[in-house]
C-alpha atoms as a PDB file:
ATOM      1  CA  MET A   1      21.455   7.970  13.817  1.00  0.00           C
ATOM      2  CA  ASN A   2      21.491   4.259  12.054  1.00  0.00           C
ATOM      3  CA  PHE A   3      18.636   4.586   9.777  1.00  0.00           C
ATOM      4  CA  GLY A   4      19.267   1.110   8.895  1.00  0.00           C
ATOM      5  CA  MET A   5      18.628  -0.518  12.317  1.00  0.00           C
ATOM      6  CA  LEU A   6      15.438   1.373  12.727  1.00  0.00           C
ATOM      7  CA  ALA A   7      14.342  -0.438   9.424  1.00  0.00           C
ATOM      8  CA  ASP A   8      15.021  -3.381  10.807  1.00  0.00           C
ATOM      9  CA  SER A   9      13.185  -3.209  14.001  1.00  0.00           C
ATOM     10  CA  ARG A  10       9.989  -4.575  13.171  1.00  0.00           C
ATOM     11  CA  PHE A  11       8.044  -5.537  16.551  1.00  0.00           C
ATOM     12  CA  TRP A  12       5.251  -3.024  15.338  1.00  0.00           C
ATOM     13  CA  LEU A  13       5.525  -3.680  11.781  1.00  0.00           C
ATOM     14  CA  PRO A  14       4.219  -6.469   9.480  1.00  0.00           C
ATOM     15  CA  ASP A  15       7.089  -8.299   7.819  1.00  0.00           C
ATOM     16  CA  ASP A  16       8.093  -6.654   4.307  1.00  0.00           C
ATOM     17  CA  PHE A  17       7.360  -8.521   0.672  1.00  0.00           C
ATOM     18  CA  SER A  18       8.390  -5.792  -0.996  1.00  0.00           C
ATOM     19  CA  GLU A  19      11.243  -4.289  -2.573  1.00  0.00           C
ATOM     20  CA  HIS A  20      10.708  -0.651  -1.529  1.00  0.00           C
ATOM     21  CA  GLY A  21       9.334  -1.806   2.066  1.00  0.00           C
ATOM     22  CA  GLY A  22      12.753  -0.521   3.535  1.00  0.00           C
ATOM     23  CA  ARG A  23      12.473   2.470   2.613  1.00  0.00           C
ATOM     24  CA  ILE A  24       9.055   3.192   3.854  1.00  0.00           C
ATOM     25  CA  ASP A  25      10.006   1.020   6.969  1.00  0.00           C
ATOM     26  CA  THR A  26      12.729   3.433   7.991  1.00  0.00           C
ATOM     27  CA  LEU A  27      10.730   6.558   6.900  1.00  0.00           C
ATOM     28  CA  ILE A  28       8.103   4.668   9.315  1.00  0.00           C
ATOM     29  CA  ASN A  29      10.296   4.223  12.211  1.00  0.00           C
ATOM     30  CA  SER A  30      12.461   7.748  11.796  1.00  0.00           C
ATOM     31  CA  VAL A  31       9.175   9.178  12.435  1.00  0.00           C
ATOM     32  CA  HIS A  32       8.045   7.286  15.742  1.00  0.00           C
ATOM     33  CA  TRP A  33      11.657   7.586  16.962  1.00  0.00           C
ATOM     34  CA  PHE A  34      11.537  11.104  16.423  1.00  0.00           C
ATOM     35  CA  MET A  35       7.957  11.897  18.292  1.00  0.00           C
ATOM     36  CA  ALA A  36       8.772   9.172  21.009  1.00  0.00           C
ATOM     37  CA  ALA A  37      11.719  11.992  21.368  1.00  0.00           C
ATOM     38  CA  LEU A  38       9.580  14.822  21.228  1.00  0.00           C
ATOM     39  CA  PHE A  39       7.271  13.283  23.441  1.00  0.00           C
ATOM     40  CA  VAL A  40       9.432  12.520  26.798  1.00  0.00           C
ATOM     41  CA  GLY A  41      10.968  15.690  26.242  1.00  0.00           C
ATOM     42  CA  TRP A  42       8.352  18.030  26.147  1.00  0.00           C
ATOM     43  CA  GLY A  43       6.947  15.782  29.146  1.00  0.00           C
ATOM     44  CA  ILE A  44       9.795  16.143  31.356  1.00  0.00           C
ATOM     45  CA  PHE A  45       9.866  20.103  30.513  1.00  0.00           C
ATOM     46  CA  PHE A  46       6.445  20.548  31.385  1.00  0.00           C
ATOM     47  CA  VAL A  47       6.862  18.853  34.539  1.00  0.00           C
ATOM     48  CA  TYR A  48       9.612  20.942  35.403  1.00  0.00           C
ATOM     49  CA  CYS A  49       7.301  23.919  34.515  1.00  0.00           C
ATOM     50  CA  MET A  50       4.913  23.040  36.754  1.00  0.00           C
ATOM     51  CA  VAL A  51       7.341  22.184  39.600  1.00  0.00           C
ATOM     52  CA  LYS A  52       9.459  25.278  39.133  1.00  0.00           C
ATOM     53  CA  PHE A  53       7.032  27.749  38.551  1.00  0.00           C
ATOM     54  CA  ARG A  54       4.178  26.597  40.864  1.00  0.00           C
ATOM     55  CA  GLN A  55       2.934  29.442  42.887  1.00  0.00           C
ATOM     56  CA  ARG A  56       3.992  29.800  46.479  1.00  0.00           C
ATOM     57  CA  PRO A  57       4.683  32.677  48.737  1.00  0.00           C
ATOM     58  CA  GLY A  58       6.820  35.000  47.864  1.00  0.00           C
ATOM     59  CA  HIS A  59       6.799  34.436  44.158  1.00  0.00           C
ATOM     60  CA  THR A  60       4.804  36.607  42.046  1.00  0.00           C
ATOM     61  CA  ALA A  61       4.155  36.151  38.079  1.00  0.00           C
ATOM     62  CA  ASN A  62       5.834  37.618  35.544  1.00  0.00           C
ATOM     63  CA  TYR A  63       4.476  38.790  32.552  1.00  0.00           C
ATOM     64  CA  THR A  64       7.605  39.873  30.480  1.00  0.00           C
ATOM     65  CA  PRO A  65       8.155  37.477  27.152  1.00  0.00           C
ATOM     66  CA  VAL A  66      11.022  35.448  27.957  1.00  0.00           C
ATOM     67  CA  LYS A  67      13.891  35.129  25.317  1.00  0.00           C
ATOM     68  CA  ALA A  68      15.841  32.021  25.521  1.00  0.00           C
ATOM     69  CA  LYS A  69      18.159  30.843  22.897  1.00  0.00           C
ATOM     70  CA  VAL A  70      17.866  27.071  23.863  1.00  0.00           C
ATOM     71  CA  SER A  71      13.762  26.763  23.284  1.00  0.00           C
ATOM     72  CA  LYS A  72      15.052  28.539  19.575  1.00  0.00           C
ATOM     73  CA  TYR A  73      17.693  25.950  18.131  1.00  0.00           C
ATOM     74  CA  LEU A  74      15.177  23.172  19.428  1.00  0.00           C
ATOM     75  CA  GLU A  75      13.037  24.448  17.099  1.00  0.00           C
ATOM     76  CA  VAL A  76      14.797  24.874  14.507  1.00  0.00           C
ATOM     77  CA  GLY A  77      16.677  21.547  15.155  1.00  0.00           C
ATOM     78  CA  ILE A  78      13.133  20.212  14.790  1.00  0.00           C
ATOM     79  CA  VAL A  79      12.258  21.756  11.352  1.00  0.00           C
ATOM     80  CA  VAL A  80      16.100  21.124   9.776  1.00  0.00           C
ATOM     81  CA  PHE A  81      14.870  17.246  10.917  1.00  0.00           C
ATOM     82  CA  GLU A  82      11.304  17.249   9.329  1.00  0.00           C
ATOM     83  CA  ALA A  83      12.624  18.484   6.620  1.00  0.00           C
ATOM     84  CA  PHE A  84      15.193  16.364   6.123  1.00  0.00           C
ATOM     85  CA  LEU A  85      12.244  13.595   6.410  1.00  0.00           C
ATOM     86  CA  LEU A  86      10.630  15.002   3.723  1.00  0.00           C
ATOM     87  CA  LEU A  87      13.373  15.645   1.376  1.00  0.00           C
ATOM     88  CA  TYR A  88      15.670  12.649   2.087  1.00  0.00           C
ATOM     89  CA  PHE A  89      13.328   9.714   2.738  1.00  0.00           C
ATOM     90  CA  SER A  90       9.507  10.905   1.615  1.00  0.00           C
ATOM     91  CA  ILE A  91      10.035  12.776  -2.032  1.00  0.00           C
ATOM     92  CA  PRO A  92      12.341  10.466  -3.225  1.00  0.00           C
ATOM     93  CA  ALA A  93      10.400   7.400  -2.018  1.00  0.00           C
ATOM     94  CA  TRP A  94       6.803   9.004  -3.510  1.00  0.00           C
ATOM     95  CA  ALA A  95       8.834   9.772  -6.556  1.00  0.00           C
ATOM     96  CA  ASP A  96       9.960   6.385  -7.459  1.00  0.00           C
ATOM     97  CA  TYR A  97       6.376   4.883  -6.356  1.00  0.00           C
ATOM     98  CA  ARG A  98       4.813   7.539  -8.897  1.00  0.00           C
ATOM     99  CA  ASN A  99       7.148   6.924 -12.115  1.00  0.00           C
ATOM    100  CA  ILE A 100       6.026   3.532 -13.546  1.00  0.00           C
ATOM    101  CA  PRO A 101       9.015   2.292 -14.930  1.00  0.00           C
ATOM    102  CA  GLU A 102       9.052   1.521 -19.006  1.00  0.00           C
ATOM    103  CA  PRO A 103       7.866  -2.313 -19.685  1.00  0.00           C
ATOM    104  CA  LYS A 104      10.594  -4.881 -20.356  1.00  0.00           C
ATOM    105  CA  GLU A 105      10.937  -7.627 -22.104  1.00  0.00           C
ATOM    106  CA  GLY A 106      11.611 -11.334 -22.136  1.00  0.00           C
ATOM    107  CA  ALA A 107      11.733 -12.854 -18.538  1.00  0.00           C
ATOM    108  CA  ASP A 108      11.646  -9.599 -17.241  1.00  0.00           C
ATOM    109  CA  GLU A 109       8.397  -8.547 -18.600  1.00  0.00           C
ATOM    110  CA  ARG A 110       6.471  -6.871 -15.738  1.00  0.00           C
ATOM    111  CA  PHE A 111       2.986  -8.743 -15.219  1.00  0.00           C
ATOM    112  CA  GLU A 112      -0.106  -6.409 -15.659  1.00  0.00           C
ATOM    113  CA  VAL A 113      -3.559  -7.001 -14.208  1.00  0.00           C
ATOM    114  CA  ARG A 114      -6.759  -5.078 -13.378  1.00  0.00           C
ATOM    115  CA  VAL A 115      -7.983  -4.694  -9.594  1.00  0.00           C
ATOM    116  CA  VAL A 116     -11.567  -3.201 -10.023  1.00  0.00           C
ATOM    117  CA  ALA A 117     -13.489  -2.744  -6.335  1.00  0.00           C
ATOM    118  CA  GLN A 118     -16.817  -3.220  -5.053  1.00  0.00           C
ATOM    119  CA  GLN A 119     -18.439  -3.376  -2.468  1.00  0.00           C
ATOM    120  CA  TYR A 120     -17.182  -5.941  -0.862  1.00  0.00           C
ATOM    121  CA  ALA A 121     -15.593  -7.631  -2.923  1.00  0.00           C
ATOM    122  CA  TRP A 122     -12.066  -7.186  -4.889  1.00  0.00           C
ATOM    123  CA  ASN A 123     -12.230  -8.622  -8.824  1.00  0.00           C
ATOM    124  CA  ILE A 124      -8.862  -9.459  -9.992  1.00  0.00           C
ATOM    125  CA  HIS A 125      -8.678  -8.931 -13.644  1.00  0.00           C
ATOM    126  CA  TYR A 126      -6.497 -10.812 -15.724  1.00  0.00           C
ATOM    127  CA  PRO A 127      -5.627 -10.745 -19.332  1.00  0.00           C
ATOM    128  CA  GLY A 128      -4.783 -14.507 -20.195  1.00  0.00           C
ATOM    129  CA  PRO A 129      -2.011 -15.984 -22.436  1.00  0.00           C
ATOM    130  CA  ASP A 130      -2.357 -13.423 -24.762  1.00  0.00           C
ATOM    131  CA  ARG A 131      -1.556 -10.825 -22.402  1.00  0.00           C
ATOM    132  CA  GLU A 132      -4.255  -8.204 -23.785  1.00  0.00           C
ATOM    133  CA  PHE A 133      -7.126  -7.073 -21.824  1.00  0.00           C
ATOM    134  CA  GLY A 134     -10.124  -7.818 -23.476  1.00  0.00           C
ATOM    135  CA  PRO A 135     -12.756  -4.486 -23.639  1.00  0.00           C
ATOM    136  CA  CYS A 136     -15.106  -4.111 -20.547  1.00  0.00           C
ATOM    137  CA  ARG A 137     -18.634  -2.136 -20.554  1.00  0.00           C
ATOM    138  CA  PRO A 138     -21.030  -1.155 -17.359  1.00  0.00           C
ATOM    139  CA  GLU A 139     -23.924  -2.526 -19.586  1.00  0.00           C
ATOM    140  CA  LEU A 140     -22.669  -6.123 -19.644  1.00  0.00           C
ATOM    141  CA  VAL A 141     -21.973  -6.371 -15.848  1.00  0.00           C
ATOM    142  CA  ASP A 142     -23.322  -9.473 -14.154  1.00  0.00           C
ATOM    143  CA  GLU A 143     -22.405  -9.951 -10.742  1.00  0.00           C
ATOM    144  CA  THR A 144     -22.529 -13.751 -10.807  1.00  0.00           C
ATOM    145  CA  THR A 145     -21.129 -14.378 -14.374  1.00  0.00           C
ATOM    146  CA  ASN A 146     -19.390 -11.134 -15.700  1.00  0.00           C
ATOM    147  CA  PRO A 147     -18.618  -9.123 -12.458  1.00  0.00           C
ATOM    148  CA  VAL A 148     -16.527  -6.013 -14.734  1.00  0.00           C
ATOM    149  CA  GLY A 149     -18.463  -6.298 -17.876  1.00  0.00           C
ATOM    150  CA  LEU A 150     -16.313  -8.151 -19.818  1.00  0.00           C
ATOM    151  CA  ASP A 151     -17.086  -7.931 -24.100  1.00  0.00           C
ATOM    152  CA  LEU A 152     -17.016 -11.631 -24.616  1.00  0.00           C
ATOM    153  CA  ALA A 153     -17.608 -10.860 -28.451  1.00  0.00           C
ATOM    154  CA  ASP A 154     -14.444  -9.380 -28.547  1.00  0.00           C
ATOM    155  CA  PRO A 155     -11.174 -11.776 -29.324  1.00  0.00           C
ATOM    156  CA  ALA A 156      -9.574  -9.893 -27.127  1.00  0.00           C
ATOM    157  CA  ALA A 157     -11.528 -10.772 -24.064  1.00  0.00           C
ATOM    158  CA  ALA A 158     -11.896 -14.709 -25.248  1.00  0.00           C
ATOM    159  CA  ASP A 159      -8.978 -15.488 -22.436  1.00  0.00           C
ATOM    160  CA  ASP A 160      -9.712 -13.203 -19.796  1.00  0.00           C
ATOM    161  CA  PHE A 161     -10.610 -14.429 -16.698  1.00  0.00           C
ATOM    162  CA  VAL A 162     -11.827 -13.288 -13.167  1.00  0.00           C
ATOM    163  CA  SER A 163     -10.808 -14.152  -9.753  1.00  0.00           C
ATOM    164  CA  ILE A 164     -12.251 -12.316  -6.889  1.00  0.00           C
ATOM    165  CA  ASN A 165     -10.771 -12.018  -3.650  1.00  0.00           C
ATOM    166  CA  ASN A 166      -7.681 -14.055  -4.876  1.00  0.00           C
ATOM    167  CA  PHE A 167      -4.828 -12.116  -6.077  1.00  0.00           C
ATOM    168  CA  TYR A 168      -1.692 -14.398  -7.189  1.00  0.00           C
ATOM    169  CA  MET A 169       1.377 -13.148  -8.901  1.00  0.00           C
ATOM    170  CA  PRO A 170       5.127 -14.294  -9.593  1.00  0.00           C
ATOM    171  CA  VAL A 171       7.789 -13.374  -7.353  1.00  0.00           C
ATOM    172  CA  ASN A 172      10.793 -11.454  -7.972  1.00  0.00           C
ATOM    173  CA  ARG A 173       8.791  -9.307 -11.077  1.00  0.00           C
ATOM    174  CA  GLU A 174       7.149  -5.993 -11.439  1.00  0.00           C
ATOM    175  CA  VAL A 175       3.837  -6.046 -11.096  1.00  0.00           C
ATOM    176  CA  PHE A 176       1.735  -3.117 -12.523  1.00  0.00           C
ATOM    177  CA  VAL A 177      -2.111  -2.628 -11.043  1.00  0.00           C
ATOM    178  CA  ARG A 178      -4.575  -0.811 -12.980  1.00  0.00           C
ATOM    179  CA  LEU A 179      -7.015   0.168  -9.796  1.00  0.00           C
ATOM    180  CA  SER A 180     -10.969   0.976 -10.644  1.00  0.00           C
ATOM    181  CA  SER A 181     -13.824   0.953  -8.493  1.00  0.00           C
ATOM    182  CA  LYS A 182     -17.359   0.139  -9.400  1.00  0.00           C
ATOM    183  CA  ASP A 183     -19.288   2.045  -7.148  1.00  0.00           C
ATOM    184  CA  VAL A 184     -17.573   4.501  -4.099  1.00  0.00           C
ATOM    185  CA  ILE A 185     -14.473   4.979  -3.209  1.00  0.00           C
ATOM    186  CA  HIS A 186     -12.352   2.496  -1.466  1.00  0.00           C
ATOM    187  CA  SER A 187      -8.378   1.838  -0.836  1.00  0.00           C
ATOM    188  CA  PHE A 188      -6.446  -1.256  -1.747  1.00  0.00           C
ATOM    189  CA  SER A 189      -4.200  -1.840   0.990  1.00  0.00           C
ATOM    190  CA  MET A 190      -1.731  -5.429   1.219  1.00  0.00           C
ATOM    191  CA  ALA A 191       0.194  -4.828   4.189  1.00  0.00           C
ATOM    192  CA  LYS A 192       2.755  -6.825   3.850  1.00  0.00           C
ATOM    193  CA  LEU A 193       3.774  -5.529   0.372  1.00  0.00           C
ATOM    194  CA  ARG A 194       3.914  -2.004   1.936  1.00  0.00           C
ATOM    195  CA  VAL A 195       0.920  -0.983  -1.028  1.00  0.00           C
ATOM    196  CA  LYS A 196      -1.978   1.282   0.074  1.00  0.00           C
ATOM    197  CA  GLN A 197      -3.686   3.513  -2.769  1.00  0.00           C
ATOM    198  CA  ASP A 198      -7.562   4.898  -3.034  1.00  0.00           C
ATOM    199  CA  VAL A 199      -9.363   3.562  -5.462  1.00  0.00           C
ATOM    200  CA  ILE A 200     -11.687   6.722  -7.239  1.00  0.00           C
ATOM    201  CA  PRO A 201     -15.036   5.878  -9.153  1.00  0.00           C
ATOM    202  CA  GLY A 202     -14.378   6.783 -12.663  1.00  0.00           C
ATOM    203  CA  MET A 203     -11.026   6.860 -12.380  1.00  0.00           C
ATOM    204  CA  GLU A 204      -8.473   4.456 -13.109  1.00  0.00           C
ATOM    205  CA  THR A 205      -5.183   4.613 -11.170  1.00  0.00           C
ATOM    206  CA  PRO A 206      -1.871   2.937 -11.739  1.00  0.00           C
ATOM    207  CA  ILE A 207       0.502   0.935  -9.230  1.00  0.00           C
ATOM    208  CA  TRP A 208       3.388  -0.747  -9.534  1.00  0.00           C
ATOM    209  CA  PHE A 209       5.360  -3.062  -6.862  1.00  0.00           C
ATOM    210  CA  LYS A 210       7.939  -5.783  -6.818  1.00  0.00           C
ATOM    211  CA  ALA A 211       7.337  -8.687  -4.218  1.00  0.00           C
ATOM    212  CA  ILE A 212      10.491  -9.987  -3.185  1.00  0.00           C
ATOM    213  CA  LYS A 213       9.797 -12.801  -1.043  1.00  0.00           C
ATOM    214  CA  GLU A 214       6.960 -16.042  -1.429  1.00  0.00           C
ATOM    215  CA  GLY A 215       4.155 -15.884   0.733  1.00  0.00           C
ATOM    216  CA  GLU A 216       0.797 -14.457   1.519  1.00  0.00           C
ATOM    217  CA  THR A 217      -0.786 -11.320   2.584  1.00  0.00           C
ATOM    218  CA  ASP A 218      -4.615  -9.758   3.254  1.00  0.00           C
ATOM    219  CA  ILE A 219      -6.032  -7.742   0.629  1.00  0.00           C
ATOM    220  CA  THR A 220      -8.303  -5.085   2.897  1.00  0.00           C
ATOM    221  CA  CYS A 221      -9.810  -1.723   1.818  1.00  0.00           C
ATOM    222  CA  ALA A 222      -8.439   1.136   4.177  1.00  0.00           C
ATOM    223  CA  GLN A 223     -11.212   3.301   2.904  1.00  0.00           C
ATOM    224  CA  LEU A 224     -14.656   2.870   5.228  1.00  0.00           C
ATOM    225  CA  CYS A 225     -16.920   1.877   2.014  1.00  0.00           C
ATOM    226  CA  GLY A 226     -20.364   1.076   3.271  1.00  0.00           C
ATOM    227  CA  LEU A 227     -21.973  -0.945   6.282  1.00  0.00           C
ATOM    228  CA  GLY A 228     -20.379  -4.064   4.971  1.00  0.00           C
ATOM    229  CA  HIS A 229     -16.565  -2.476   4.728  1.00  0.00           C
ATOM    230  CA  TYR A 230     -15.436  -5.115   7.207  1.00  0.00           C
ATOM    231  CA  ARG A 231     -15.991  -7.813   5.293  1.00  0.00           C
ATOM    232  CA  MET A 232     -14.338  -6.675   2.056  1.00  0.00           C
ATOM    233  CA  LYS A 233     -11.049  -8.004   1.852  1.00  0.00           C
ATOM    234  CA  GLY A 234      -9.195 -11.217   0.099  1.00  0.00           C
ATOM    235  CA  ARG A 235      -5.264 -12.725   0.010  1.00  0.00           C
ATOM    236  CA  ALA A 236      -2.696 -12.282  -2.467  1.00  0.00           C
ATOM    237  CA  PHE A 237      -0.522 -15.311  -3.223  1.00  0.00           C
ATOM    238  CA  ILE A 238       3.114 -14.417  -4.181  1.00  0.00           C
ATOM    239  CA  VAL A 239       4.811 -17.350  -5.697  1.00  0.00           C
ATOM    240  CA  SER A 240       7.375 -18.861  -7.991  1.00  0.00           C
ATOM    241  CA  GLN A 241       7.391 -18.044 -11.364  1.00  0.00           C
ATOM    242  CA  GLN A 242       6.702 -21.750 -12.488  1.00  0.00           C
ATOM    243  CA  ALA A 243       4.254 -22.382  -9.608  1.00  0.00           C
ATOM    244  CA  PHE A 244       2.259 -18.902 -11.323  1.00  0.00           C
ATOM    245  CA  ASP A 245       2.588 -20.306 -14.643  1.00  0.00           C
ATOM    246  CA  ASP A 246       1.198 -23.504 -13.602  1.00  0.00           C
ATOM    247  CA  TRP A 247      -1.597 -21.472 -11.973  1.00  0.00           C
ATOM    248  CA  PHE A 248      -2.221 -19.364 -15.089  1.00  0.00           C
ATOM    249  CA  ALA A 249      -2.177 -21.684 -17.282  1.00  0.00           C
ATOM    250  CA  LYS A 250      -5.019 -24.026 -14.847  1.00  0.00           C
ATOM    251  CA  ALA A 251      -7.136 -20.504 -14.690  1.00  0.00           C
ATOM    252  CA  SER A 252      -7.248 -19.486 -17.825  1.00  0.00           C
ATOM    253  CA  VAL A 253      -8.977 -22.290 -18.853  1.00  0.00           C
ATOM    254  CA  VAL A 254     -11.819 -22.705 -16.536  1.00  0.00           C
ATOM    255  CA  GLU A 255     -15.065 -20.112 -15.798  1.00  0.00           C
ATOM    256  CA  GLU A 256     -14.975 -20.500 -12.240  1.00  0.00           C
ATOM    257  CA  PHE A 257     -12.540 -21.087  -9.478  1.00  0.00           C
ATOM    258  CA  ASP A 258     -11.104 -20.502  -5.912  1.00  0.00           C
ATOM    259  CA  GLU A 259      -8.325 -20.716  -3.634  1.00  0.00           C
ATOM    260  CA  ASP A 260      -8.433 -24.682  -3.644  1.00  0.00           C
ATOM    261  CA  ASP A 261      -7.954 -24.339  -7.530  1.00  0.00           C
ATOM    262  CA  PHE A 262      -4.715 -23.349  -7.024  1.00  0.00           C
ATOM    263  CA  ASP A 263      -1.769 -26.153  -6.354  1.00  0.00           C
ATOM    264  CA  ASP A 264       1.486 -25.541  -5.586  1.00  0.00           C
END
């Protein structure tokens, strides 16, 4: 079976902007084709049994268990194929995703950001030009002026800034995200980047990825989090390094900004 061909058949999947997306698409497509083959095969067998063993004159039921080698071989083959999917695709992809690469220096330095979820918004906390996150304290949270509770008295927090629902990132650079929640369980999802991770209150969950194509994708909450769950959405903008640097320099010196502040 040509798994590469299956990965390229994305008529039921969104565009792939991520470095790791091809492996995930291959697994998804392989499982779909495998389940389609099982569905059709068992459906044909079911119809065959209904026709062949239907009740009719001159035939009686046989209550002796039937011993068939074909069905046994099929069952063994299915188990082997499922183990192949697990060991060859799922576990290696999961291991690469969970093993956070070491920080790099220079132009390949990874880009770090905090994402704080709440009902019903995504607070994107950038560290500012010093690349150091300022401390945050719950008692300092102000939903209007300080949504993540930055301790502005600390020098490291002086150049930090927060974007509400707009996540800007450079292309072809590792992005390291620290996820946390202010209230209930959420799920951080960006379909085109093949990213989805639950966000648990009281925990900081790290994830990482690399976007290899410029464009935009929705940020959605994939976990029912309350009555306003349907409107908990944002937008991720993947831009060139130069465009990101220009936006970053502009955003780091203003207190409030929105999508219109970005000019590529």
